[in-house]
Amino acid sequence: MNKILLLVLSICTFSCSSSRTNSLLNNPTINHNFTPEEITDLTTIMDFFESQICLTSSTSIDNCYDLYLNKLKESIRNNNIKLNISYPKQTTELYDNISSSTFQELWGFGELSTFDVQSNSRVKYKDIGLNYQSKYVDFLKELSREYPVINNYYESFVEAGDISPAMISIVTKHQSFELSDVRIRLVIAVHCLTMNDKYERRERIN
């Protein structure tokens, strides 16, 4: 009896942990743009993001995204943006567990210059952004043919060369998405993780 129970629990654990992996691996758009190794890293990215936004294991993934985006939209409306993603964990549990080559197919670094009142001078900080020439942007272009909001998101990025205020539609208009579409969930995850890094990184450039 104990062996049967153990087998059932093992099957459940495996299926629960691998379901999102399979949905990414089996998606034609994802496979068209990324290698199997990169897809494994993309799964790590999504798993980390979903571990941050899902308050209980009993909540469905679609509901997790819906609840999270509604709260995020409300915080934007109140001019008090709260992404509620642990930045220390983002650097140690996510960045340290994906390959540098995959990282570069999503993100790149630039400089952010701001005025420091205490030193009465301008200070430069390291700033993350979507990599303009990357497989991820190619993926966005392909996905934009199916979703008008993603098309606006992609065109805004191409025009600005970075995440712009116009791209907030990924949050404010999420009701127009199919949250069951793993590609949409990937875009939301990457967008929110990018913004979290932008808000939280305090790495000065000398």
N, C-alpha and C. Protein backbone atom coordinates (compact mmCIF):
# COMPACT_ATOMS: atom_id res chain seq x y z
N MET A 1 0.83 -1.20 0.00
CA MET A 1 0.00 0.00 0.00
C MET A 1 0.86 1.25 0.00
N ASN A 2 1.93 1.24 0.83
CA ASN A 2 2.83 2.38 0.90
C ASN A 2 3.56 2.60 -0.42
N LYS A 3 3.90 1.49 -1.09
CA LYS A 3 4.58 1.61 -2.38
C LYS A 3 3.66 2.22 -3.43
N ILE A 4 2.40 1.84 -3.41
CA ILE A 4 1.43 2.39 -4.37
C ILE A 4 1.25 3.88 -4.12
N LEU A 5 1.13 4.25 -2.84
CA LEU A 5 0.95 5.67 -2.50
C LEU A 5 2.17 6.48 -2.93
N LEU A 6 3.36 5.92 -2.71
CA LEU A 6 4.60 6.59 -3.10
C LEU A 6 4.66 6.79 -4.60
N LEU A 7 4.23 5.78 -5.34
CA LEU A 7 4.24 5.86 -6.80
C LEU A 7 3.30 6.94 -7.29
N VAL A 8 2.11 6.99 -6.71
CA VAL A 8 1.12 8.02 -7.10
C VAL A 8 1.66 9.41 -6.82
N LEU A 9 2.26 9.59 -5.64
CA LEU A 9 2.81 10.90 -5.28
C LEU A 9 3.96 11.29 -6.19
N SER A 10 4.77 10.30 -6.58
CA SER A 10 5.90 10.57 -7.47
C SER A 10 5.43 11.02 -8.83
N ILE A 11 4.39 10.35 -9.35
CA ILE A 11 3.84 10.71 -10.66
C ILE A 11 3.26 12.12 -10.62
N CYS A 12 2.54 12.43 -9.54
CA CYS A 12 1.94 13.75 -9.37
C CYS A 12 3.01 14.83 -9.32
N THR A 13 4.08 14.54 -8.52
CA THR A 13 5.15 15.53 -8.39
C THR A 13 5.82 15.78 -9.72
N PHE A 14 6.09 14.72 -10.46
CA PHE A 14 6.75 14.86 -11.75
C PHE A 14 5.90 15.64 -12.74
N SER A 15 4.61 15.29 -12.80
CA SER A 15 3.72 15.95 -13.76
C SER A 15 3.53 17.41 -13.42
N CYS A 16 3.43 17.74 -12.11
CA CYS A 16 3.25 19.13 -11.71
C CYS A 16 4.47 19.95 -12.02
N SER A 17 5.67 19.39 -11.80
CA SER A 17 6.88 20.16 -12.01
C SER A 17 7.27 20.27 -13.48
N SER A 18 6.82 19.32 -14.30
CA SER A 18 7.26 19.31 -15.69
C SER A 18 6.22 19.83 -16.65
N SER A 19 5.01 20.15 -16.19
CA SER A 19 3.95 20.56 -17.11
C SER A 19 4.31 21.82 -17.87
N ARG A 20 4.89 22.82 -17.16
CA ARG A 20 5.24 24.06 -17.84
C ARG A 20 6.43 23.84 -18.76
N THR A 21 7.35 22.95 -18.36
CA THR A 21 8.48 22.63 -19.21
C THR A 21 7.99 22.06 -20.53
N ASN A 22 7.06 21.11 -20.46
CA ASN A 22 6.54 20.49 -21.68
C ASN A 22 5.80 21.50 -22.54
N SER A 23 5.06 22.41 -21.92
CA SER A 23 4.31 23.39 -22.71
C SER A 23 5.25 24.31 -23.46
N LEU A 24 6.40 24.62 -22.89
CA LEU A 24 7.38 25.43 -23.60
C LEU A 24 8.08 24.62 -24.68
N LEU A 25 8.49 23.42 -24.31
CA LEU A 25 9.22 22.58 -25.26
C LEU A 25 8.39 22.20 -26.47
N ASN A 26 7.09 22.08 -26.27
CA ASN A 26 6.21 21.64 -27.35
C ASN A 26 5.59 22.79 -28.14
N ASN A 27 5.90 24.03 -27.76
CA ASN A 27 5.30 25.16 -28.45
C ASN A 27 6.08 25.48 -29.73
N PRO A 28 5.42 25.52 -30.89
CA PRO A 28 6.11 25.74 -32.17
C PRO A 28 6.86 27.07 -32.24
N THR A 29 6.25 28.14 -31.72
CA THR A 29 6.90 29.45 -31.77
C THR A 29 8.16 29.46 -30.92
N ILE A 30 8.08 28.87 -29.75
CA ILE A 30 9.24 28.80 -28.87
C ILE A 30 10.35 27.99 -29.53
N ASN A 31 9.99 26.84 -30.08
CA ASN A 31 10.98 25.97 -30.71
C ASN A 31 11.59 26.60 -31.96
N HIS A 32 10.83 27.44 -32.63
CA HIS A 32 11.32 28.09 -33.84
C HIS A 32 12.41 29.12 -33.52
N ASN A 33 12.35 29.67 -32.30
CA ASN A 33 13.25 30.77 -31.95
C ASN A 33 14.37 30.41 -30.98
N PHE A 34 14.20 29.30 -30.24
CA PHE A 34 15.18 28.98 -29.21
C PHE A 34 15.62 27.52 -29.30
N THR A 35 16.83 27.27 -28.81
CA THR A 35 17.36 25.91 -28.75
C THR A 35 16.78 25.20 -27.53
N PRO A 36 16.86 23.86 -27.47
CA PRO A 36 16.37 23.13 -26.29
C PRO A 36 17.03 23.61 -24.99
N GLU A 37 18.33 23.91 -25.06
CA GLU A 37 19.03 24.39 -23.86
C GLU A 37 18.48 25.74 -23.42
N GLU A 38 18.22 26.61 -24.38
CA GLU A 38 17.66 27.92 -24.05
C GLU A 38 16.24 27.80 -23.51
N ILE A 39 15.48 26.85 -24.04
CA ILE A 39 14.12 26.65 -23.57
C ILE A 39 14.13 26.17 -22.12
N THR A 40 15.12 25.34 -21.77
CA THR A 40 15.26 24.91 -20.38
C THR A 40 15.49 26.12 -19.48
N ASP A 41 16.32 27.06 -19.93
CA ASP A 41 16.56 28.28 -19.16
C ASP A 41 15.31 29.16 -19.11
N LEU A 42 14.58 29.23 -20.20
CA LEU A 42 13.33 30.00 -20.20
C LEU A 42 12.34 29.42 -19.20
N THR A 43 12.34 28.11 -19.08
CA THR A 43 11.49 27.45 -18.10
C THR A 43 11.91 27.83 -16.68
N THR A 44 13.22 27.89 -16.45
CA THR A 44 13.73 28.33 -15.15
C THR A 44 13.27 29.74 -14.85
N ILE A 45 13.28 30.60 -15.85
CA ILE A 45 12.83 31.99 -15.69
C ILE A 45 11.35 32.02 -15.31
N MET A 46 10.54 31.27 -16.04
CA MET A 46 9.11 31.25 -15.76
C MET A 46 8.81 30.63 -14.40
N ASP A 47 9.51 29.56 -14.06
CA ASP A 47 9.28 28.91 -12.78
C ASP A 47 9.62 29.85 -11.63
N PHE A 48 10.72 30.59 -11.77
CA PHE A 48 11.08 31.53 -10.72
C PHE A 48 10.01 32.62 -10.60
N PHE A 49 9.62 33.21 -11.71
CA PHE A 49 8.63 34.27 -11.67
C PHE A 49 7.33 33.78 -11.05
N GLU A 50 6.89 32.60 -11.45
CA GLU A 50 5.63 32.07 -10.94
C GLU A 50 5.73 31.71 -9.47
N SER A 51 6.91 31.33 -9.00
CA SER A 51 7.09 31.07 -7.57
C SER A 51 6.97 32.36 -6.76
N GLN A 52 7.25 33.49 -7.40
CA GLN A 52 7.16 34.79 -6.74
C GLN A 52 5.74 35.34 -6.72
N ILE A 53 4.95 35.02 -7.74
CA ILE A 53 3.62 35.64 -7.84
C ILE A 53 2.49 34.73 -7.36
N CYS A 54 2.74 33.44 -7.23
CA CYS A 54 1.70 32.53 -6.78
C CYS A 54 1.75 32.42 -5.26
N LEU A 55 0.71 32.92 -4.61
CA LEU A 55 0.69 32.96 -3.15
C LEU A 55 0.42 31.59 -2.54
N THR A 56 -0.35 30.77 -3.23
CA THR A 56 -0.64 29.41 -2.75
C THR A 56 -0.50 28.43 -3.89
N SER A 57 -0.12 27.21 -3.56
CA SER A 57 0.07 26.18 -4.58
C SER A 57 -1.26 25.71 -5.17
N SER A 58 -2.36 26.02 -4.48
CA SER A 58 -3.67 25.57 -4.95
C SER A 58 -4.25 26.49 -6.03
N THR A 59 -3.67 27.69 -6.17
CA THR A 59 -4.15 28.64 -7.18
C THR A 59 -3.64 28.24 -8.55
N SER A 60 -4.50 28.26 -9.55
CA SER A 60 -4.08 27.91 -10.90
C SER A 60 -3.12 28.96 -11.44
N ILE A 61 -2.28 28.57 -12.38
CA ILE A 61 -1.30 29.48 -12.96
C ILE A 61 -1.99 30.69 -13.60
N ASP A 62 -3.06 30.45 -14.34
CA ASP A 62 -3.78 31.55 -14.97
C ASP A 62 -4.27 32.55 -13.94
N ASN A 63 -4.82 32.05 -12.84
CA ASN A 63 -5.32 32.93 -11.78
C ASN A 63 -4.18 33.67 -11.09
N CYS A 64 -3.04 33.02 -10.95
CA CYS A 64 -1.88 33.69 -10.37
C CYS A 64 -1.51 34.92 -11.18
N TYR A 65 -1.44 34.75 -12.48
CA TYR A 65 -1.10 35.87 -13.37
C TYR A 65 -2.17 36.95 -13.30
N ASP A 66 -3.41 36.54 -13.34
CA ASP A 66 -4.51 37.50 -13.35
C ASP A 66 -4.52 38.32 -12.07
N LEU A 67 -4.41 37.67 -10.93
CA LEU A 67 -4.40 38.37 -9.64
C LEU A 67 -3.19 39.29 -9.53
N TYR A 68 -2.04 38.78 -9.93
CA TYR A 68 -0.81 39.58 -9.84
C TYR A 68 -0.89 40.82 -10.72
N LEU A 69 -1.33 40.66 -11.95
CA LEU A 69 -1.39 41.78 -12.88
C LEU A 69 -2.44 42.81 -12.45
N ASN A 70 -3.54 42.35 -11.87
CA ASN A 70 -4.54 43.29 -11.37
C ASN A 70 -3.97 44.14 -10.23
N LYS A 71 -3.23 43.49 -9.33
CA LYS A 71 -2.62 44.23 -8.22
C LYS A 71 -1.54 45.19 -8.74
N LEU A 72 -0.77 44.74 -9.73
CA LEU A 72 0.27 45.59 -10.30
C LEU A 72 -0.35 46.79 -11.02
N LYS A 73 -1.43 46.54 -11.74
CA LYS A 73 -2.12 47.64 -12.43
C LYS A 73 -2.65 48.67 -11.44
N GLU A 74 -3.17 48.20 -10.32
CA GLU A 74 -3.67 49.10 -9.29
C GLU A 74 -2.54 49.94 -8.70
N SER A 75 -1.38 49.32 -8.48
CA SER A 75 -0.24 50.06 -7.93
C SER A 75 0.27 51.10 -8.93
N ILE A 76 0.18 50.79 -10.22
CA ILE A 76 0.56 51.76 -11.26
C ILE A 76 -0.40 52.93 -11.25
N ARG A 77 -1.68 52.63 -11.12
CA ARG A 77 -2.70 53.67 -11.09
C ARG A 77 -2.49 54.61 -9.90
N ASN A 78 -1.98 54.08 -8.80
CA ASN A 78 -1.76 54.88 -7.60
C ASN A 78 -0.35 55.47 -7.54
N ASN A 79 0.39 55.33 -8.65
CA ASN A 79 1.77 55.84 -8.70
C ASN A 79 2.64 55.28 -7.59
N ASN A 80 2.42 54.03 -7.27
CA ASN A 80 3.20 53.35 -6.23
C ASN A 80 3.48 51.92 -6.69
N ILE A 81 4.31 51.81 -7.71
CA ILE A 81 4.53 50.52 -8.37
C ILE A 81 5.19 49.53 -7.43
N LYS A 82 4.54 48.39 -7.28
CA LYS A 82 5.06 47.30 -6.44
C LYS A 82 5.07 46.02 -7.25
N LEU A 83 6.26 45.57 -7.60
CA LEU A 83 6.39 44.34 -8.38
C LEU A 83 6.38 43.11 -7.49
N ASN A 84 6.73 43.28 -6.21
CA ASN A 84 6.71 42.18 -5.24
C ASN A 84 7.49 40.97 -5.70
N ILE A 85 8.68 41.24 -6.23
CA ILE A 85 9.61 40.18 -6.62
C ILE A 85 10.90 40.39 -5.84
N SER A 86 11.39 39.35 -5.19
CA SER A 86 12.62 39.46 -4.41
C SER A 86 13.81 39.63 -5.34
N TYR A 87 14.44 40.80 -5.29
CA TYR A 87 15.60 41.02 -6.16
C TYR A 87 16.81 40.17 -5.76
N PRO A 88 17.10 40.02 -4.45
CA PRO A 88 18.21 39.12 -4.08
C PRO A 88 18.01 37.71 -4.62
N LYS A 89 16.77 37.21 -4.55
CA LYS A 89 16.51 35.88 -5.09
C LYS A 89 16.60 35.88 -6.62
N GLN A 90 16.22 36.98 -7.24
CA GLN A 90 16.30 37.07 -8.70
C GLN A 90 17.75 36.93 -9.16
N THR A 91 18.67 37.49 -8.40
CA THR A 91 20.08 37.41 -8.79
C THR A 91 20.69 36.05 -8.46
N THR A 92 20.29 35.46 -7.34
CA THR A 92 20.92 34.20 -6.91
C THR A 92 20.18 32.96 -7.40
N GLU A 93 18.86 32.98 -7.33
CA GLU A 93 18.09 31.79 -7.70
C GLU A 93 17.75 31.75 -9.19
N LEU A 94 17.83 32.91 -9.86
CA LEU A 94 17.51 32.93 -11.28
C LEU A 94 18.76 33.16 -12.13
N TYR A 95 19.36 34.33 -12.03
CA TYR A 95 20.50 34.65 -12.89
C TYR A 95 21.62 33.64 -12.76
N ASP A 96 21.87 33.16 -11.56
CA ASP A 96 22.96 32.21 -11.34
C ASP A 96 22.64 30.81 -11.85
N ASN A 97 21.38 30.59 -12.24
CA ASN A 97 20.97 29.25 -12.67
C ASN A 97 20.58 29.17 -14.15
N ILE A 98 20.88 30.22 -14.90
CA ILE A 98 20.72 30.14 -16.35
C ILE A 98 22.06 30.49 -16.99
N SER A 99 22.25 30.02 -18.21
CA SER A 99 23.54 30.24 -18.87
C SER A 99 23.68 31.70 -19.29
N SER A 100 24.92 32.16 -19.37
CA SER A 100 25.19 33.54 -19.78
C SER A 100 24.73 33.77 -21.21
N SER A 101 24.81 32.73 -22.05
CA SER A 101 24.39 32.89 -23.45
C SER A 101 22.87 33.10 -23.54
N THR A 102 22.11 32.37 -22.72
CA THR A 102 20.66 32.58 -22.70
C THR A 102 20.34 33.96 -22.15
N PHE A 103 21.03 34.35 -21.10
CA PHE A 103 20.84 35.69 -20.52
C PHE A 103 21.00 36.75 -21.61
N GLN A 104 22.02 36.60 -22.43
CA GLN A 104 22.31 37.59 -23.48
C GLN A 104 21.30 37.54 -24.62
N GLU A 105 20.55 36.44 -24.73
CA GLU A 105 19.50 36.38 -25.75
C GLU A 105 18.23 37.07 -25.27
N LEU A 106 18.23 37.53 -24.04
CA LEU A 106 17.11 38.31 -23.51
C LEU A 106 17.54 39.72 -23.13
N TRP A 107 18.64 39.81 -22.38
CA TRP A 107 19.00 41.08 -21.76
C TRP A 107 20.39 41.56 -22.16
N GLY A 108 20.55 42.87 -22.05
CA GLY A 108 21.85 43.51 -22.20
C GLY A 108 21.93 44.65 -21.20
N PHE A 109 23.14 45.20 -21.03
CA PHE A 109 23.34 46.27 -20.05
C PHE A 109 23.75 47.58 -20.71
N GLY A 110 23.29 48.66 -20.12
CA GLY A 110 23.67 49.99 -20.55
C GLY A 110 23.94 50.84 -19.33
N GLU A 111 23.89 52.17 -19.53
CA GLU A 111 24.15 53.09 -18.44
C GLU A 111 22.92 53.95 -18.17
N LEU A 112 22.71 54.24 -16.91
CA LEU A 112 21.65 55.15 -16.50
C LEU A 112 22.30 56.28 -15.71
N SER A 113 22.16 57.50 -16.21
CA SER A 113 22.77 58.65 -15.56
C SER A 113 21.72 59.42 -14.77
N THR A 114 22.05 59.72 -13.51
CA THR A 114 21.13 60.47 -12.66
C THR A 114 21.90 61.47 -11.82
N PHE A 115 21.23 62.50 -11.35
CA PHE A 115 21.89 63.53 -10.56
C PHE A 115 21.83 63.17 -9.08
N ASP A 116 22.99 63.18 -8.45
CA ASP A 116 23.10 62.88 -7.03
C ASP A 116 23.20 64.19 -6.25
N VAL A 117 22.20 64.43 -5.41
CA VAL A 117 22.13 65.69 -4.66
C VAL A 117 23.28 65.81 -3.67
N GLN A 118 23.61 64.73 -3.00
CA GLN A 118 24.64 64.78 -1.96
C GLN A 118 26.02 65.16 -2.52
N SER A 119 26.36 64.56 -3.66
CA SER A 119 27.66 64.87 -4.26
C SER A 119 27.59 66.03 -5.25
N ASN A 120 26.35 66.49 -5.53
CA ASN A 120 26.13 67.59 -6.48
C ASN A 120 26.76 67.27 -7.84
N SER A 121 26.58 66.04 -8.26
CA SER A 121 27.15 65.61 -9.54
C SER A 121 26.30 64.49 -10.14
N ARG A 122 26.57 64.21 -11.40
CA ARG A 122 25.84 63.13 -12.05
C ARG A 122 26.54 61.80 -11.76
N VAL A 123 25.73 60.78 -11.52
CA VAL A 123 26.24 59.46 -11.21
C VAL A 123 25.70 58.47 -12.24
N LYS A 124 26.55 57.54 -12.67
CA LYS A 124 26.14 56.53 -13.64
C LYS A 124 25.92 55.19 -12.96
N TYR A 125 24.83 54.56 -13.34
CA TYR A 125 24.49 53.24 -12.82
C TYR A 125 24.34 52.24 -13.97
N LYS A 126 24.63 50.98 -13.68
CA LYS A 126 24.42 49.91 -14.64
C LYS A 126 22.93 49.67 -14.78
N ASP A 127 22.45 49.60 -16.01
CA ASP A 127 21.01 49.49 -16.26
C ASP A 127 20.73 48.34 -17.22
N ILE A 128 19.78 47.49 -16.85
CA ILE A 128 19.44 46.35 -17.70
C ILE A 128 18.34 46.74 -18.68
N GLY A 129 18.31 46.06 -19.80
CA GLY A 129 17.26 46.27 -20.79
C GLY A 129 17.16 45.06 -21.69
N LEU A 130 16.08 44.99 -22.47
CA LEU A 130 15.96 43.91 -23.44
C LEU A 130 17.03 44.07 -24.51
N ASN A 131 17.64 42.98 -24.89
CA ASN A 131 18.67 43.01 -25.92
C ASN A 131 18.02 43.23 -27.28
N TYR A 132 18.36 44.35 -27.92
CA TYR A 132 17.72 44.75 -29.18
C TYR A 132 17.93 43.71 -30.28
N GLN A 133 19.11 43.15 -30.35
CA GLN A 133 19.41 42.14 -31.37
C GLN A 133 19.52 40.78 -30.69
N SER A 134 18.39 40.15 -30.52
CA SER A 134 18.37 38.89 -29.78
C SER A 134 17.26 37.98 -30.30
N LYS A 135 17.36 36.73 -29.92
CA LYS A 135 16.32 35.76 -30.28
C LYS A 135 15.00 36.13 -29.62
N TYR A 136 15.08 36.74 -28.43
CA TYR A 136 13.85 37.09 -27.73
C TYR A 136 13.06 38.14 -28.50
N VAL A 137 13.74 39.12 -29.06
CA VAL A 137 13.06 40.15 -29.86
C VAL A 137 12.50 39.53 -31.14
N ASP A 138 13.21 38.59 -31.72
CA ASP A 138 12.68 37.86 -32.88
C ASP A 138 11.40 37.11 -32.50
N PHE A 139 11.42 36.53 -31.31
CA PHE A 139 10.24 35.84 -30.80
C PHE A 139 9.07 36.81 -30.62
N LEU A 140 9.34 38.00 -30.06
CA LEU A 140 8.29 39.01 -29.91
C LEU A 140 7.70 39.40 -31.25
N LYS A 141 8.56 39.55 -32.24
CA LYS A 141 8.09 39.92 -33.58
C LYS A 141 7.13 38.86 -34.13
N GLU A 142 7.49 37.61 -33.94
CA GLU A 142 6.64 36.52 -34.44
C GLU A 142 5.32 36.48 -33.68
N LEU A 143 5.38 36.67 -32.37
CA LEU A 143 4.17 36.63 -31.55
C LEU A 143 3.28 37.84 -31.83
N SER A 144 3.87 38.94 -32.24
CA SER A 144 3.10 40.17 -32.49
C SER A 144 2.10 40.01 -33.63
N ARG A 145 2.31 39.02 -34.47
CA ARG A 145 1.39 38.78 -35.59
C ARG A 145 0.07 38.19 -35.11
N GLU A 146 0.07 37.66 -33.90
CA GLU A 146 -1.14 37.02 -33.36
C GLU A 146 -1.89 37.89 -32.36
N TYR A 147 -1.18 38.78 -31.68
CA TYR A 147 -1.78 39.59 -30.63
C TYR A 147 -1.55 41.08 -30.91
N PRO A 148 -2.60 41.87 -31.11
CA PRO A 148 -2.44 43.31 -31.34
C PRO A 148 -1.68 44.01 -30.22
N VAL A 149 -1.94 43.65 -28.97
CA VAL A 149 -1.25 44.30 -27.85
C VAL A 149 0.24 43.98 -27.88
N ILE A 150 0.59 42.75 -28.22
CA ILE A 150 2.00 42.38 -28.35
C ILE A 150 2.62 43.12 -29.53
N ASN A 151 1.85 43.35 -30.58
CA ASN A 151 2.35 44.11 -31.72
C ASN A 151 2.70 45.54 -31.29
N ASN A 152 1.82 46.16 -30.49
CA ASN A 152 2.11 47.50 -29.98
C ASN A 152 3.32 47.47 -29.05
N TYR A 153 3.40 46.43 -28.25
CA TYR A 153 4.53 46.26 -27.33
C TYR A 153 5.83 46.16 -28.11
N TYR A 154 5.83 45.31 -29.14
CA TYR A 154 7.02 45.10 -29.96
C TYR A 154 7.41 46.37 -30.71
N GLU A 155 6.44 47.04 -31.34
CA GLU A 155 6.73 48.25 -32.11
C GLU A 155 7.23 49.38 -31.20
N SER A 156 6.69 49.47 -30.00
CA SER A 156 7.16 50.48 -29.05
C SER A 156 8.61 50.23 -28.66
N PHE A 157 8.94 48.94 -28.48
CA PHE A 157 10.31 48.60 -28.15
C PHE A 157 11.26 48.93 -29.29
N VAL A 158 10.88 48.57 -30.50
CA VAL A 158 11.72 48.82 -31.67
C VAL A 158 11.96 50.32 -31.84
N GLU A 159 10.91 51.11 -31.63
CA GLU A 159 11.04 52.56 -31.78
C GLU A 159 11.91 53.18 -30.70
N ALA A 160 11.76 52.72 -29.46
CA ALA A 160 12.51 53.31 -28.35
C ALA A 160 13.88 52.65 -28.14
N GLY A 161 14.01 51.40 -28.55
CA GLY A 161 15.26 50.68 -28.32
C GLY A 161 15.40 50.15 -26.91
N ASP A 162 14.36 50.30 -26.13
CA ASP A 162 14.36 49.82 -24.74
C ASP A 162 12.91 49.78 -24.28
N ILE A 163 12.68 49.29 -23.07
CA ILE A 163 11.33 49.31 -22.52
C ILE A 163 10.90 50.75 -22.32
N SER A 164 9.77 51.11 -22.92
CA SER A 164 9.25 52.48 -22.85
C SER A 164 7.94 52.49 -22.08
N PRO A 165 7.46 53.68 -21.66
CA PRO A 165 6.19 53.77 -20.95
C PRO A 165 5.02 53.17 -21.72
N ALA A 166 5.08 53.23 -23.06
CA ALA A 166 3.99 52.69 -23.88
C ALA A 166 3.84 51.18 -23.72
N MET A 167 4.92 50.53 -23.27
CA MET A 167 4.89 49.08 -23.16
C MET A 167 4.19 48.60 -21.89
N ILE A 168 3.71 49.54 -21.08
CA ILE A 168 2.98 49.17 -19.86
C ILE A 168 1.68 48.47 -20.20
N SER A 169 1.28 48.51 -21.47
CA SER A 169 0.05 47.83 -21.89
C SER A 169 0.10 46.34 -21.62
N ILE A 170 1.31 45.79 -21.48
CA ILE A 170 1.45 44.37 -21.18
C ILE A 170 0.81 44.05 -19.82
N VAL A 171 0.69 45.09 -18.98
CA VAL A 171 0.05 44.95 -17.67
C VAL A 171 -1.38 45.46 -17.70
N THR A 172 -1.57 46.65 -18.21
CA THR A 172 -2.88 47.31 -18.13
C THR A 172 -3.93 46.69 -19.04
N LYS A 173 -3.51 45.99 -20.09
CA LYS A 173 -4.46 45.39 -21.01
C LYS A 173 -4.38 43.87 -21.02
N HIS A 174 -4.02 43.31 -19.88
CA HIS A 174 -3.80 41.87 -19.85
C HIS A 174 -5.08 41.05 -20.04
N GLN A 175 -6.23 41.69 -19.87
CA GLN A 175 -7.49 40.96 -20.09
C GLN A 175 -7.65 40.54 -21.55
N SER A 176 -6.93 41.21 -22.44
CA SER A 176 -7.04 40.87 -23.86
C SER A 176 -6.14 39.70 -24.24
N PHE A 177 -5.36 39.21 -23.27
CA PHE A 177 -4.46 38.08 -23.52
C PHE A 177 -5.14 36.75 -23.21
N GLU A 178 -4.57 35.71 -23.76
CA GLU A 178 -4.91 34.36 -23.36
C GLU A 178 -3.83 33.92 -22.37
N LEU A 179 -4.13 34.03 -21.08
CA LEU A 179 -3.12 33.69 -20.09
C LEU A 179 -2.77 32.20 -20.08
N SER A 180 -3.60 31.41 -20.73
CA SER A 180 -3.29 29.99 -20.89
C SER A 180 -2.20 29.77 -21.93
N ASP A 181 -1.91 30.82 -22.72
CA ASP A 181 -0.87 30.75 -23.75
C ASP A 181 0.49 30.93 -23.06
N VAL A 182 1.31 29.89 -23.07
CA VAL A 182 2.59 29.93 -22.37
C VAL A 182 3.49 31.03 -22.92
N ARG A 183 3.31 31.39 -24.18
CA ARG A 183 4.14 32.45 -24.77
C ARG A 183 3.82 33.80 -24.14
N ILE A 184 2.55 34.03 -23.86
CA ILE A 184 2.14 35.27 -23.21
C ILE A 184 2.69 35.33 -21.79
N ARG A 185 2.62 34.21 -21.10
CA ARG A 185 3.14 34.17 -19.73
C ARG A 185 4.65 34.43 -19.72
N LEU A 186 5.34 33.95 -20.74
CA LEU A 186 6.78 34.20 -20.83
C LEU A 186 7.06 35.69 -21.02
N VAL A 187 6.30 36.35 -21.89
CA VAL A 187 6.49 37.79 -22.12
C VAL A 187 6.24 38.57 -20.83
N ILE A 188 5.18 38.23 -20.13
CA ILE A 188 4.87 38.92 -18.88
C ILE A 188 5.99 38.69 -17.86
N ALA A 189 6.47 37.46 -17.75
CA ALA A 189 7.53 37.15 -16.80
C ALA A 189 8.80 37.95 -17.11
N VAL A 190 9.20 37.94 -18.36
CA VAL A 190 10.43 38.65 -18.75
C VAL A 190 10.27 40.15 -18.54
N HIS A 191 9.11 40.69 -18.89
CA HIS A 191 8.87 42.12 -18.71
C HIS A 191 8.96 42.51 -17.23
N CYS A 192 8.27 41.79 -16.37
CA CYS A 192 8.25 42.14 -14.95
C CYS A 192 9.61 41.94 -14.30
N LEU A 193 10.33 40.90 -14.68
CA LEU A 193 11.66 40.68 -14.13
C LEU A 193 12.63 41.76 -14.60
N THR A 194 12.47 42.21 -15.84
CA THR A 194 13.31 43.29 -16.35
C THR A 194 13.05 44.57 -15.58
N MET A 195 11.78 44.90 -15.37
CA MET A 195 11.43 46.11 -14.64
C MET A 195 11.90 46.02 -13.19
N ASN A 196 11.81 44.85 -12.58
CA ASN A 196 12.26 44.68 -11.20
C ASN A 196 13.75 44.94 -11.09
N ASP A 197 14.52 44.45 -12.07
CA ASP A 197 15.96 44.69 -12.08
C ASP A 197 16.24 46.19 -12.25
N LYS A 198 15.50 46.84 -13.15
CA LYS A 198 15.67 48.28 -13.37
C LYS A 198 15.43 49.07 -12.08
N TYR A 199 14.41 48.70 -11.34
CA TYR A 199 14.05 49.42 -10.12
C TYR A 199 15.01 49.13 -8.97
N GLU A 200 15.52 47.90 -8.91
CA GLU A 200 16.26 47.48 -7.72
C GLU A 200 17.78 47.53 -7.86
N ARG A 201 18.31 47.43 -9.05
CA ARG A 201 19.78 47.39 -9.22
C ARG A 201 20.38 48.74 -8.85
N ARG A 202 21.41 48.70 -8.01
CA ARG A 202 22.11 49.91 -7.60
C ARG A 202 23.62 49.74 -7.80
N GLU A 203 24.00 49.37 -8.99
CA GLU A 203 25.40 49.10 -9.30
C GLU A 203 26.02 50.30 -10.01
N ARG A 204 26.86 51.03 -9.29
CA ARG A 204 27.44 52.24 -9.85
C ARG A 204 28.56 51.92 -10.82
N ILE A 205 28.69 52.77 -11.83
CA ILE A 205 29.78 52.66 -12.80
C ILE A 205 30.76 53.79 -12.54
N ASN A 206 32.00 53.44 -12.28
CA ASN A 206 33.00 54.46 -11.98
C ASN A 206 33.53 55.13 -13.25
